């Protein structure tokens, strides 16, 4: 059913067009008519037409003026302009208002039918696109919270500042380089700065989670996490690396208003802690600031700048370079770590070149911190005496160039240890397994037994064994047993049954099948050929 509005100040013209449409399109159309521009505007709101045949010249408000007014509230109506004058006099303005086509009076029957048919097809296409877009929007409204929750969980569960969340940001089409965290907390009442009944309130908030999300989205283009305990984490993307005083006040006021709207949606007491903008790769730092602001703050909204915490850096200290260095070490990016360590040393030499002892201390600090990173990630084994010569070595170095060489060699050594230690540990475990299998192949040993012997889970052992040897556990064990059987078959003093038992098989028939499968000969045939 198409709603069609015919607008013309000539009654004969209206009757003629209406008759043609009803005769040729019948029950597919519902038709309304108007003789003035003002009535057209009123009917466009009440009748909600899909297509309007608009006469340009009408008493009072002209057709073009009526089109402008209607376009303010409805972008989807299809306008077909009707005029007794040369259409080019009005084409430019009408096209700007989205006219679909032009008809010149007197309008021929077939021309009207053809234009209306095309307009109906266009309306149907737009209607279908609208439905498709609504379906896509519904699907996105289901998927987006899952992606946002995944991003927030990734931020919280990362053990350092080097978490890689670019995948989530790409999915959410986030272009901003920075972001800050707002940590929301809710409860039933606020007593001595503490929100009461956190569990009960959390259950209520969870019930209205989608409504709360809608409120937040009205104030911030936020990445919203799941309800955890009685807290909700928001990451607010921004292009600003720093927040000045005016912007901080604006954020605080905006957050206050957001809490008021949330209270109207779900009756509870709300508080918020706000962190500073950080690079998206380091957004956890802003979360920690928001957490401390919430903890230290006394009001409903607390910004970290109002409750200074932690330490700062004086002067032009290259804090970002330091951070990148240790991220590179943890990720085992040897070349990058080496380059950044070199750049950091060059900064010390340039700015504090006369302070040899301070540079020695910083070098020792960085080396030990790098080694601690390696210890924590399984890249080194700790020994109390591991660093017994460090202090002596550093103090005996008399110039900066030699100290730089020592420093960079230690950073490179840490990266090398991280790269090789895990591999060595894996190889060591597999070697232990191989030795156990070679010493106990006569027994009825299993993958579970061997994995228990080297103290790792059967699933991980199976995967690791395949990665290191290129074959699975049972195939490797079979090779050991068949090799031993071949040796024993050369000794005529052993019967086939004894060879079977000494090779780790309890069933001679099974042993014979396995042997033939591997050697293309039965044990007896192999002995005869030997």
Protein backbone atom coordinates (compact mmCIF):
# COMPACT_ATOMS: atom_id res chain seq x y z
CA UNK A 1 0.00 0.00 0.00
CA UNK A 2 1.46 3.34 -1.12
CA UNK A 3 0.24 6.64 0.34
CA UNK A 4 0.11 9.28 -2.39
CA UNK A 5 -0.55 12.97 -1.82
CA UNK A 6 -1.69 15.06 -4.80
CA UNK A 7 -1.06 18.82 -4.35
CA UNK A 8 -2.51 21.24 -6.92
CA UNK A 9 -4.71 24.31 -6.72
CA UNK A 10 -6.74 23.20 -9.78
CA UNK A 11 -9.62 20.90 -8.84
CA UNK A 12 -9.83 19.47 -12.38
CA UNK A 13 -6.12 18.55 -12.27
CA UNK A 14 -6.53 16.80 -8.91
CA UNK A 15 -9.57 14.84 -10.09
CA UNK A 16 -7.84 13.83 -13.32
CA UNK A 17 -4.65 12.57 -11.64
CA UNK A 18 -6.62 10.78 -8.90
CA UNK A 19 -8.82 8.98 -11.48
CA UNK A 20 -5.79 7.83 -13.53
CA UNK A 21 -4.02 6.49 -10.43
CA UNK A 22 -7.10 4.72 -9.03
CA UNK A 23 -7.89 3.17 -12.43
CA UNK A 24 -4.37 1.85 -13.03
CA UNK A 25 -3.12 1.06 -9.52
CA UNK A 26 -6.36 0.34 -7.70
CA UNK A 27 -6.08 -0.88 -4.09
CA UNK A 28 -2.28 -0.49 -4.10
CA UNK A 29 -2.71 3.20 -3.40
CA UNK A 30 -4.31 5.38 -0.74
CA UNK A 31 -4.76 8.91 -2.08
CA UNK A 32 -5.14 12.29 -0.36
CA UNK A 33 -5.40 15.73 -2.00
CA UNK A 34 -4.47 19.30 -1.08
CA UNK A 35 -5.00 22.65 -2.80
CA UNK A 36 -2.58 24.83 -0.75
CA UNK A 37 1.01 24.52 0.39
CA UNK A 38 -0.02 24.89 4.04
CA UNK A 39 -2.40 21.91 3.80
CA UNK A 40 0.31 19.85 2.08
CA UNK A 41 2.64 20.45 5.06
CA UNK A 42 -0.10 19.53 7.54
CA UNK A 43 -1.05 16.35 5.63
CA UNK A 44 2.58 15.29 5.34
CA UNK A 45 2.62 14.97 9.14
CA UNK A 46 -0.83 13.38 9.49
CA UNK A 47 -1.20 11.28 6.32
CA UNK A 48 2.55 10.41 6.11
CA UNK A 49 2.71 10.01 2.33
CA UNK A 50 5.33 7.96 0.49
CA UNK A 51 5.00 10.03 -2.71
CA UNK A 52 3.87 13.65 -3.25
CA UNK A 53 2.92 15.16 -6.62
CA UNK A 54 3.71 18.80 -5.90
CA UNK A 55 2.46 21.71 -7.99
CA UNK A 56 4.99 24.54 -7.94
CA UNK A 57 2.51 27.43 -8.01
CA UNK A 58 -0.15 27.28 -5.29
CA UNK A 59 -1.85 30.05 -3.27
CA UNK A 60 -0.01 31.19 -0.15
CA UNK A 61 2.92 28.86 0.49
CA UNK A 62 4.42 27.77 -2.85
CA UNK A 63 5.23 24.16 -3.69
CA UNK A 64 8.97 24.73 -3.28
CA UNK A 65 8.42 26.36 0.12
CA UNK A 66 6.24 23.43 1.17
CA UNK A 67 8.96 20.98 0.04
CA UNK A 68 11.55 22.83 2.16
CA UNK A 69 9.29 22.67 5.21
CA UNK A 70 8.52 18.96 4.76
CA UNK A 71 12.19 18.08 4.23
CA UNK A 72 12.95 19.39 7.73
CA UNK A 73 11.13 16.42 9.28
CA UNK A 74 11.06 13.83 6.50
CA UNK A 75 13.99 12.99 4.24
CA UNK A 76 12.38 9.94 2.66
CA UNK A 77 9.31 11.36 0.87
CA UNK A 78 9.55 11.11 -2.94
CA UNK A 79 8.62 14.43 -4.60
CA UNK A 80 7.39 14.58 -8.20
CA UNK A 81 7.24 18.22 -9.26
CA UNK A 82 4.29 19.32 -11.44
CA UNK A 83 4.36 22.71 -13.23
CA UNK A 84 2.65 24.52 -16.06
CA UNK A 85 5.92 26.33 -16.81
CA UNK A 86 9.21 25.23 -18.34
CA UNK A 87 10.62 22.87 -15.71
CA UNK A 88 14.14 24.26 -16.11
CA UNK A 89 13.03 27.50 -14.42
CA UNK A 90 12.64 25.52 -11.19
CA UNK A 91 14.92 22.54 -11.76
CA UNK A 92 17.93 23.79 -9.83
CA UNK A 93 16.04 24.53 -6.60
CA UNK A 94 13.79 21.47 -6.88
CA UNK A 95 16.76 19.14 -7.45
CA UNK A 96 18.39 20.63 -4.38
CA UNK A 97 15.28 19.62 -2.43
CA UNK A 98 15.51 16.07 -3.74
CA UNK A 99 12.90 16.09 -6.53
CA UNK A 100 12.55 12.64 -8.09
CA UNK A 101 11.14 13.80 -11.45
CA UNK A 102 9.36 16.67 -13.25
CA UNK A 103 5.98 16.67 -15.03
CA UNK A 104 4.77 19.52 -17.27
CA UNK A 105 1.07 20.36 -17.49
CA UNK A 106 -1.00 19.11 -19.09
CA UNK A 107 0.20 15.75 -17.76
CA UNK A 108 -0.31 12.87 -20.18
CA UNK A 109 -1.87 9.70 -18.81
CA UNK A 110 0.99 7.33 -19.79
CA UNK A 111 3.66 9.74 -18.54
CA UNK A 112 1.93 9.88 -15.14
CA UNK A 113 1.67 6.09 -14.98
CA UNK A 114 5.34 5.60 -15.95
CA UNK A 115 6.64 8.16 -13.44
CA UNK A 116 4.49 6.80 -10.61
CA UNK A 117 5.61 3.24 -11.38
CA UNK A 118 9.26 4.32 -11.10
CA UNK A 119 8.53 6.26 -7.91
CA UNK A 120 6.85 3.20 -6.37
CA UNK A 121 9.86 1.06 -7.23
CA UNK A 122 12.15 3.65 -5.65
CA UNK A 123 9.95 3.81 -2.54
CA UNK A 124 9.97 0.01 -2.26
CA UNK A 125 13.74 -0.03 -2.59
CA UNK A 126 14.16 2.62 0.12
CA UNK A 127 11.69 0.78 2.36
CA UNK A 128 13.65 -2.46 1.95
CA UNK A 129 16.93 -0.67 2.68
CA UNK A 130 15.38 0.84 5.79
CA UNK A 131 14.28 -2.60 7.01
CA UNK A 132 17.72 -4.06 6.23
CA UNK A 133 19.41 -1.22 8.12
CA UNK A 134 17.14 -1.78 11.10
CA UNK A 135 18.03 -5.47 11.11
CA UNK A 136 21.72 -4.65 10.92
CA UNK A 137 21.29 -2.15 13.76
CA UNK A 138 19.52 -4.79 15.87
CA UNK A 139 22.35 -7.24 15.26
CA UNK A 140 24.96 -4.60 16.09
CA UNK A 141 23.13 -3.73 19.30
CA UNK A 142 23.64 -7.39 20.28
CA UNK A 143 27.24 -7.74 19.09
CA UNK A 144 28.71 -4.36 20.11
CA UNK A 145 28.28 -4.89 23.88
CA UNK A 146 30.09 -8.24 23.53
CA UNK A 147 33.02 -6.57 21.71
CA UNK A 148 33.13 -3.72 24.24
CA UNK A 149 33.06 -6.19 27.15
CA UNK A 150 35.91 -8.11 25.53
CA UNK A 151 37.98 -4.93 25.25
CA UNK A 152 37.38 -4.01 28.90
CA UNK A 153 38.24 -7.53 30.08
CA UNK A 154 41.43 -7.40 28.00
CA UNK A 155 42.38 -4.12 29.66
CA UNK A 156 41.74 -5.44 33.17
CA UNK A 157 43.29 -8.88 32.78
CA UNK A 158 46.53 -7.70 31.17
CA UNK A 159 49.35 -7.96 33.68
CA UNK A 160 51.26 -4.97 32.35
CA UNK A 161 50.92 -1.85 30.24
CA UNK A 162 51.81 -3.67 27.03
CA UNK A 163 48.45 -5.28 26.33
CA UNK A 164 47.55 -5.46 22.65
CA UNK A 165 43.95 -4.34 22.17
CA UNK A 166 44.20 -3.00 18.61
CA UNK A 167 41.97 -5.85 17.37
CA UNK A 168 39.05 -4.66 19.51
CA UNK A 169 39.61 -1.01 18.57
CA UNK A 170 39.51 -1.95 14.88
CA UNK A 171 36.25 -3.86 15.36
CA UNK A 172 34.73 -0.83 17.08
CA UNK A 173 36.16 1.53 14.43
CA UNK A 174 37.88 3.64 17.09
CA UNK A 175 40.22 6.16 15.43
CA UNK A 176 41.16 8.10 18.57
CA UNK A 177 44.70 7.56 19.83
CA UNK A 178 43.92 8.30 23.48
CA UNK A 179 41.25 7.48 26.01
CA UNK A 180 40.40 7.99 29.67
CA UNK A 181 38.51 5.78 32.09
CA UNK A 182 35.44 6.59 34.14
CA UNK A 183 34.89 3.99 36.85
CA UNK A 184 31.28 3.92 38.03
CA UNK A 185 30.29 2.49 41.39
CA UNK A 186 26.75 1.98 42.70
CA UNK A 187 24.99 0.97 45.88
CA UNK A 188 21.81 1.35 47.86
CA UNK A 189 22.96 4.12 50.19
CA UNK A 190 26.10 6.18 50.77
CA UNK A 191 27.30 5.85 54.39
CA UNK A 192 30.63 7.36 55.48
CA UNK A 193 31.79 7.40 51.87
CA UNK A 194 30.90 3.71 51.34
CA UNK A 195 28.09 2.47 49.10
CA UNK A 196 25.98 -0.17 50.85
CA UNK A 197 24.36 -3.36 49.49
CA UNK A 198 26.67 -3.65 46.47
CA UNK A 199 25.47 -7.16 45.54
CA UNK A 200 21.77 -6.36 45.55
CA UNK A 201 22.30 -3.12 43.62
CA UNK A 202 24.50 -4.90 41.08
CA UNK A 203 21.71 -7.37 40.38
CA UNK A 204 19.30 -4.50 39.75
CA UNK A 205 21.79 -2.68 37.52
CA UNK A 206 22.41 -5.91 35.59
CA UNK A 207 18.67 -6.24 34.98
CA UNK A 208 18.58 -2.77 33.41
CA UNK A 209 22.03 -3.00 31.79
CA UNK A 210 20.83 -2.06 28.28
CA UNK A 211 18.94 0.95 29.66
CA UNK A 212 22.04 2.10 31.56
CA UNK A 213 24.11 1.70 28.36
CA UNK A 214 21.62 3.91 26.51
CA UNK A 215 21.91 6.63 29.17
CA UNK A 216 25.72 6.56 29.06
CA UNK A 217 25.77 6.75 25.25
CA UNK A 218 23.76 9.98 25.45
CA UNK A 219 26.66 11.63 27.27
CA UNK A 220 29.80 9.86 26.02
CA UNK A 221 30.97 7.93 22.98
CA UNK A 222 31.97 5.26 25.47
CA UNK A 223 33.27 1.71 25.39
CA UNK A 224 31.21 0.14 28.17
CA UNK A 225 32.27 -2.91 30.15
CA UNK A 226 30.13 -5.50 31.93
CA UNK A 227 28.76 -5.04 35.45
CA UNK A 228 31.47 -6.43 37.75
CA UNK A 229 30.69 -6.51 41.44
CA UNK A 230 29.14 -3.06 41.91
CA UNK A 231 31.31 -1.34 39.30
CA UNK A 232 31.10 -0.45 35.63
CA UNK A 233 34.10 0.63 33.56
CA UNK A 234 33.78 3.19 30.77
CA UNK A 235 36.60 3.97 28.32
CA UNK A 236 36.09 7.37 26.68
CA UNK A 237 38.07 7.76 23.42
CA UNK A 238 39.61 11.18 22.85
CA UNK A 239 42.06 12.94 20.54
CA UNK A 240 43.49 14.96 23.43
CA UNK A 241 46.69 13.78 25.09
CA UNK A 242 46.21 16.14 28.04
CA UNK A 243 43.21 17.71 29.76
CA UNK A 244 43.36 21.37 30.78
CA UNK A 245 41.45 22.82 33.71
CA UNK A 246 38.40 23.91 31.70
CA UNK A 247 38.08 20.53 30.01
CA UNK A 248 38.45 18.71 33.33
CA UNK A 249 35.59 20.76 34.82
CA UNK A 250 33.47 20.06 31.73
CA UNK A 251 34.06 16.29 32.07
CA UNK A 252 33.22 16.38 35.79
CA UNK A 253 29.98 18.30 35.15
CA UNK A 254 29.04 16.01 32.25
CA UNK A 255 29.62 12.98 34.45
CA UNK A 256 27.52 14.50 37.25
CA UNK A 257 24.65 14.96 34.82
CA UNK A 258 25.09 11.42 33.57
CA UNK A 259 24.82 10.05 37.13
CA UNK A 260 21.60 12.02 37.63
CA UNK A 261 20.13 10.50 34.46
CA UNK A 262 21.22 7.02 35.56
CA UNK A 263 19.48 7.55 38.91
CA UNK A 264 16.28 8.44 37.06
CA UNK A 265 16.59 5.22 35.09
CA UNK A 266 17.52 2.94 38.02
CA UNK A 267 17.09 4.29 41.53
CA UNK A 268 20.44 3.85 43.32
CA UNK A 269 23.37 5.85 44.66
CA UNK A 270 26.17 6.42 42.14
CA UNK A 271 29.80 7.54 42.34
CA UNK A 272 32.42 7.99 39.62
CA UNK A 273 36.23 8.13 39.50
CA UNK A 274 37.91 9.64 36.43
CA UNK A 275 41.45 8.97 35.16
CA UNK A 276 43.71 10.94 32.83
CA UNK A 277 43.90 10.39 29.06
CA UNK A 278 46.39 7.67 28.09
CA UNK A 279 47.30 6.00 24.83
CA UNK A 280 44.84 3.21 24.08
CA UNK A 281 47.64 0.64 24.43
CA UNK A 282 48.15 1.85 28.01
CA UNK A 283 44.56 2.53 29.00
CA UNK A 284 44.96 0.35 32.10
CA UNK A 285 46.96 3.20 33.65
CA UNK A 286 43.89 5.44 33.41
CA UNK A 287 41.78 2.68 34.98
CA UNK A 288 44.14 2.52 37.96
CA UNK A 289 43.96 6.30 38.31
CA UNK A 290 40.16 6.21 38.18
CA UNK A 291 40.16 3.47 40.82
CA UNK A 292 42.35 5.51 43.16
CA UNK A 293 40.33 8.68 42.52
CA UNK A 294 37.18 6.77 43.45
CA UNK A 295 38.89 5.43 46.56
CA UNK A 296 40.33 8.77 47.69
CA UNK A 297 37.49 11.03 46.57
CA UNK A 298 34.71 12.06 48.92
CA UNK A 299 32.07 13.39 46.52
CA UNK A 300 29.94 11.77 43.86
CA UNK A 301 32.50 12.49 41.10
CA UNK A 302 36.26 12.45 41.72
CA UNK A 303 38.87 13.33 39.09
CA UNK A 304 42.40 12.02 39.61
CA UNK A 305 43.78 15.54 39.08
CA UNK A 306 41.96 16.61 42.26
CA UNK A 307 43.50 13.78 44.27
CA UNK A 308 47.14 13.51 43.12
CA UNK A 309 48.51 9.99 43.40
CA UNK A 310 51.68 8.23 42.43
CA UNK A 311 54.87 9.86 41.23
CA UNK A 312 55.63 12.24 38.43
CA UNK A 313 58.67 12.94 36.28
CA UNK A 314 60.72 16.08 36.46
CA UNK A 315 61.89 18.05 33.48
CA UNK A 316 62.20 16.27 30.15
CA UNK A 317 62.66 12.76 31.56
CA UNK A 318 61.82 10.35 28.67
CA UNK A 319 59.14 8.35 30.52
CA UNK A 320 57.52 7.15 27.31
CA UNK A 321 60.86 5.87 25.99
CA UNK A 322 61.42 3.99 29.25
CA UNK A 323 57.99 2.40 28.99
CA UNK A 324 58.53 1.39 25.35
CA UNK A 325 61.89 -0.16 26.24
CA UNK A 326 60.42 -2.52 28.82
CA UNK A 327 57.44 -3.34 26.63
CA UNK A 328 59.89 -4.32 23.87
CA UNK A 329 61.85 -6.48 26.33
CA UNK A 330 58.71 -8.25 27.47
CA UNK A 331 57.60 -8.88 23.89
CA UNK A 332 61.12 -10.12 23.10
CA UNK A 333 61.62 -7.50 20.38
CA UNK A 334 65.40 -7.55 20.61
CA UNK A 335 66.24 -4.98 17.93
CA UNK A 336 63.66 -2.50 19.22
CA UNK A 337 64.76 -2.95 22.84
CA UNK A 338 68.41 -2.50 21.87
CA UNK A 339 67.64 0.69 19.93
CA UNK A 340 65.52 2.19 22.72
CA UNK A 341 68.10 1.32 25.37
CA UNK A 342 70.71 3.06 23.23
CA UNK A 343 68.47 6.13 22.84
CA UNK A 344 67.85 6.27 26.59
CA UNK A 345 71.57 6.09 27.35
CA UNK A 346 72.22 8.85 24.80
CA UNK A 347 69.67 11.03 26.61
CA UNK A 348 71.43 10.42 29.95
CA UNK A 349 74.78 11.26 28.40
CA UNK A 350 73.47 14.43 26.77
CA UNK A 351 71.51 15.79 29.74
CA UNK A 352 73.39 14.34 32.74
CA UNK A 353 76.76 13.43 31.23
CA UNK A 354 78.73 14.83 34.18
CA UNK A 355 76.84 12.72 36.75
CA UNK A 356 78.64 9.40 36.26
CA UNK A 357 77.43 7.81 39.50
CA UNK A 358 73.80 8.64 38.77
CA UNK A 359 74.12 7.14 35.30
CA UNK A 360 75.70 4.02 36.82
CA UNK A 361 72.75 3.71 39.21
CA UNK A 362 70.21 4.12 36.40
CA UNK A 363 72.03 1.52 34.28
CA UNK A 364 71.99 -0.96 37.17
CA UNK A 365 68.32 -0.19 37.84
CA UNK A 366 67.36 -0.83 34.22
CA UNK A 367 69.42 -4.00 33.89
CA UNK A 368 67.99 -5.51 37.08
CA UNK A 369 64.48 -4.45 36.08
CA UNK A 370 64.95 -6.06 32.65
CA UNK A 371 66.20 -9.25 34.30
CA UNK A 372 63.21 -9.23 36.65
CA UNK A 373 60.99 -9.10 33.57
CA UNK A 374 62.86 -12.12 32.22
CA UNK A 375 62.54 -13.96 35.56
CA UNK A 376 58.78 -13.28 35.64
CA UNK A 377 58.31 -14.56 32.09
CA UNK A 378 60.34 -17.74 32.45
CA UNK A 379 63.28 -16.40 30.49
CA UNK A 380 65.86 -16.78 33.29
CA UNK A 381 66.45 -18.87 36.40
CA UNK A 382 67.00 -16.83 39.55
CA UNK A 383 70.09 -17.23 41.68
CA UNK A 384 70.96 -15.16 44.73
CA UNK A 385 74.53 -14.74 43.47
CA UNK A 386 73.51 -14.06 39.88
CA UNK A 387 74.47 -10.38 40.06
CA UNK A 388 77.41 -10.56 42.44
CA UNK A 389 79.82 -8.82 40.03
CA UNK A 390 77.45 -6.17 38.68
CA UNK A 391 78.30 -3.43 41.16
CA UNK A 392 82.03 -4.03 40.91
CA UNK A 393 81.95 -4.13 37.10
CA UNK A 394 79.96 -0.92 36.81
CA UNK A 395 82.10 0.96 39.32
CA UNK A 396 85.29 -0.07 37.50
CA UNK A 397 84.04 1.38 34.22
CA UNK A 398 85.52 4.86 33.96
CA UNK A 399 83.90 6.32 30.84
CA UNK A 400 80.41 6.53 29.40
CA UNK A 401 81.16 4.77 26.13
CA UNK A 402 82.29 1.60 27.97
CA UNK A 403 79.32 1.82 30.33
CA UNK A 404 77.00 2.03 27.34
CA UNK A 405 78.55 -1.11 25.85
CA UNK A 406 78.04 -3.00 29.14
CA UNK A 407 74.47 -1.72 29.45
CA UNK A 408 73.45 -2.66 25.90
CA UNK A 409 75.10 -6.08 26.17
CA UNK A 410 73.01 -6.86 29.26
CA UNK A 411 69.78 -5.73 27.58
CA UNK A 412 70.62 -7.87 24.56
CA UNK A 413 71.45 -10.81 26.84
CA UNK A 414 68.07 -10.53 28.58
CA UNK A 415 66.22 -10.56 25.23
CA UNK A 416 68.29 -13.55 24.10
CA UNK A 417 67.48 -15.42 27.32
CA UNK A 418 63.77 -14.73 26.88
CA UNK A 419 63.92 -16.06 23.33
CA UNK A 420 65.87 -19.23 24.11
CA UNK A 421 65.04 -20.19 27.70
CA UNK A 422 61.47 -21.29 27.04
CA UNK A 423 62.61 -23.23 24.01
CA UNK A 424 65.37 -24.86 26.06
CA UNK A 425 62.89 -25.74 28.79
CA UNK A 426 60.56 -27.35 26.25
CA UNK A 427 63.41 -29.32 24.69
CA UNK A 428 64.60 -30.38 28.16
CA UNK A 429 61.15 -31.71 29.04
CA UNK A 430 60.92 -33.68 25.80
CA UNK A 431 64.43 -35.07 26.32
CA UNK A 432 63.38 -36.24 29.79
CA UNK A 433 60.34 -37.89 28.24
CA UNK A 434 62.43 -39.59 25.58
CA UNK A 435 64.88 -40.96 28.16
CA UNK A 436 62.03 -42.30 30.27
CA UNK A 437 60.46 -43.96 27.21
CA UNK A 438 63.78 -45.52 26.17
CA UNK A 439 64.34 -46.90 29.67
CA UNK A 440 60.79 -48.18 30.19
CA UNK A 441 59.54 -49.19 26.75
CA UNK A 442 59.17 -52.83 27.90
CA UNK A 443 56.49 -51.75 30.34
CA UNK A 444 52.91 -50.87 29.52
CA UNK A 445 53.62 -47.12 29.62
CA UNK A 446 51.11 -44.50 28.47
CA UNK A 447 51.08 -40.82 27.57
CA UNK A 448 49.49 -40.05 30.97
CA UNK A 449 52.27 -41.87 32.80
CA UNK A 450 55.07 -40.12 30.92
CA UNK A 451 53.46 -36.67 31.30
CA UNK A 452 53.09 -37.30 35.05
CA UNK A 453 56.78 -38.23 35.23
CA UNK A 454 57.87 -34.88 33.75
CA UNK A 455 55.13 -33.04 35.69
CA UNK A 456 53.06 -31.45 32.91
CA UNK A 457 49.48 -32.08 31.82
CA UNK A 458 48.85 -34.86 29.25
CA UNK A 459 47.24 -32.43 26.80
CA UNK A 460 50.16 -30.00 26.91
CA UNK A 461 52.69 -32.84 26.77
CA UNK A 462 51.02 -34.31 23.68
CA UNK A 463 51.07 -30.92 21.92
CA UNK A 464 54.64 -30.13 22.98
CA UNK A 465 55.91 -33.58 21.99
CA UNK A 466 54.45 -33.22 18.48
CA UNK A 467 55.93 -29.72 18.10
CA UNK A 468 59.43 -30.78 19.18
CA UNK A 469 59.69 -34.20 17.50
CA UNK A 470 57.33 -33.90 14.55
CA UNK A 471 55.46 -37.08 15.51
CA UNK A 472 52.98 -38.10 18.16
CA UNK A 473 53.75 -39.98 21.35
CA UNK A 474 52.52 -43.45 20.32
CA UNK A 475 54.40 -43.38 16.98
CA UNK A 476 57.64 -42.48 18.72
CA UNK A 477 57.17 -45.20 21.34
CA UNK A 478 56.42 -47.72 18.57
CA UNK A 479 59.67 -46.80 16.77
CA UNK A 480 61.64 -47.47 19.97
CA UNK A 481 59.95 -50.86 20.46
CA UNK A 482 60.30 -51.98 16.82
CA UNK A 483 63.98 -50.96 16.81
CA UNK A 484 64.54 -53.06 19.95
CA UNK A 485 62.60 -55.97 18.42
CA UNK A 486 64.81 -55.91 15.33
CA UNK A 487 67.90 -56.17 17.54
CA UNK A 488 66.44 -59.08 19.51
CA UNK A 489 65.34 -60.96 16.38
CA UNK A 490 68.96 -61.20 15.33
CA UNK A 491 69.60 -63.32 18.43
CA UNK A 492 68.27 -66.81 17.65
CA UNK A 493 68.18 -67.70 21.36
CA UNK A 494 65.00 -65.60 21.78
CA UNK A 495 61.68 -66.92 20.58
CA UNK A 496 59.27 -64.62 18.74
CA UNK A 497 57.08 -64.62 21.86
CA UNK A 498 60.04 -63.56 24.03
CA UNK A 499 60.99 -60.84 21.55
CA UNK A 500 57.40 -59.65 21.69
CA UNK A 501 57.44 -59.39 25.50
CA UNK A 502 60.90 -57.78 25.69
CA UNK A 503 59.76 -55.15 23.13
CA UNK A 504 56.84 -54.03 25.29
CA UNK A 505 54.00 -55.99 23.67
CA UNK A 506 51.81 -58.45 25.55
CA UNK A 507 49.90 -59.75 22.50
CA UNK A 508 52.07 -61.61 19.88
CA UNK A 509 49.41 -61.20 17.17
CA UNK A 510 49.24 -57.44 17.71
CA UNK A 511 53.05 -57.27 17.81
CA UNK A 512 53.23 -59.13 14.49
CA UNK A 513 50.72 -56.75 12.84
CA UNK A 514 52.55 -53.64 14.07
CA UNK A 515 55.93 -55.06 13.01
CA UNK A 516 54.70 -55.90 9.52
CA UNK A 517 53.09 -52.50 9.15
CA UNK A 518 56.44 -50.81 9.94
CA UNK A 519 58.83 -53.21 8.15
CA UNK A 520 56.62 -54.85 5.49
CA UNK A 521 57.73 -58.21 6.95
CA UNK A 522 56.49 -60.36 9.80
CA UNK A 523 58.91 -60.91 12.70
CA UNK A 524 59.62 -64.46 11.42
CA UNK A 525 60.29 -63.27 7.88
CA UNK A 526 62.59 -60.54 9.19
CA UNK A 527 64.55 -63.12 11.23
CA UNK A 528 64.88 -65.43 8.21
CA UNK A 529 66.22 -62.60 6.04
CA UNK A 530 68.61 -61.47 8.74
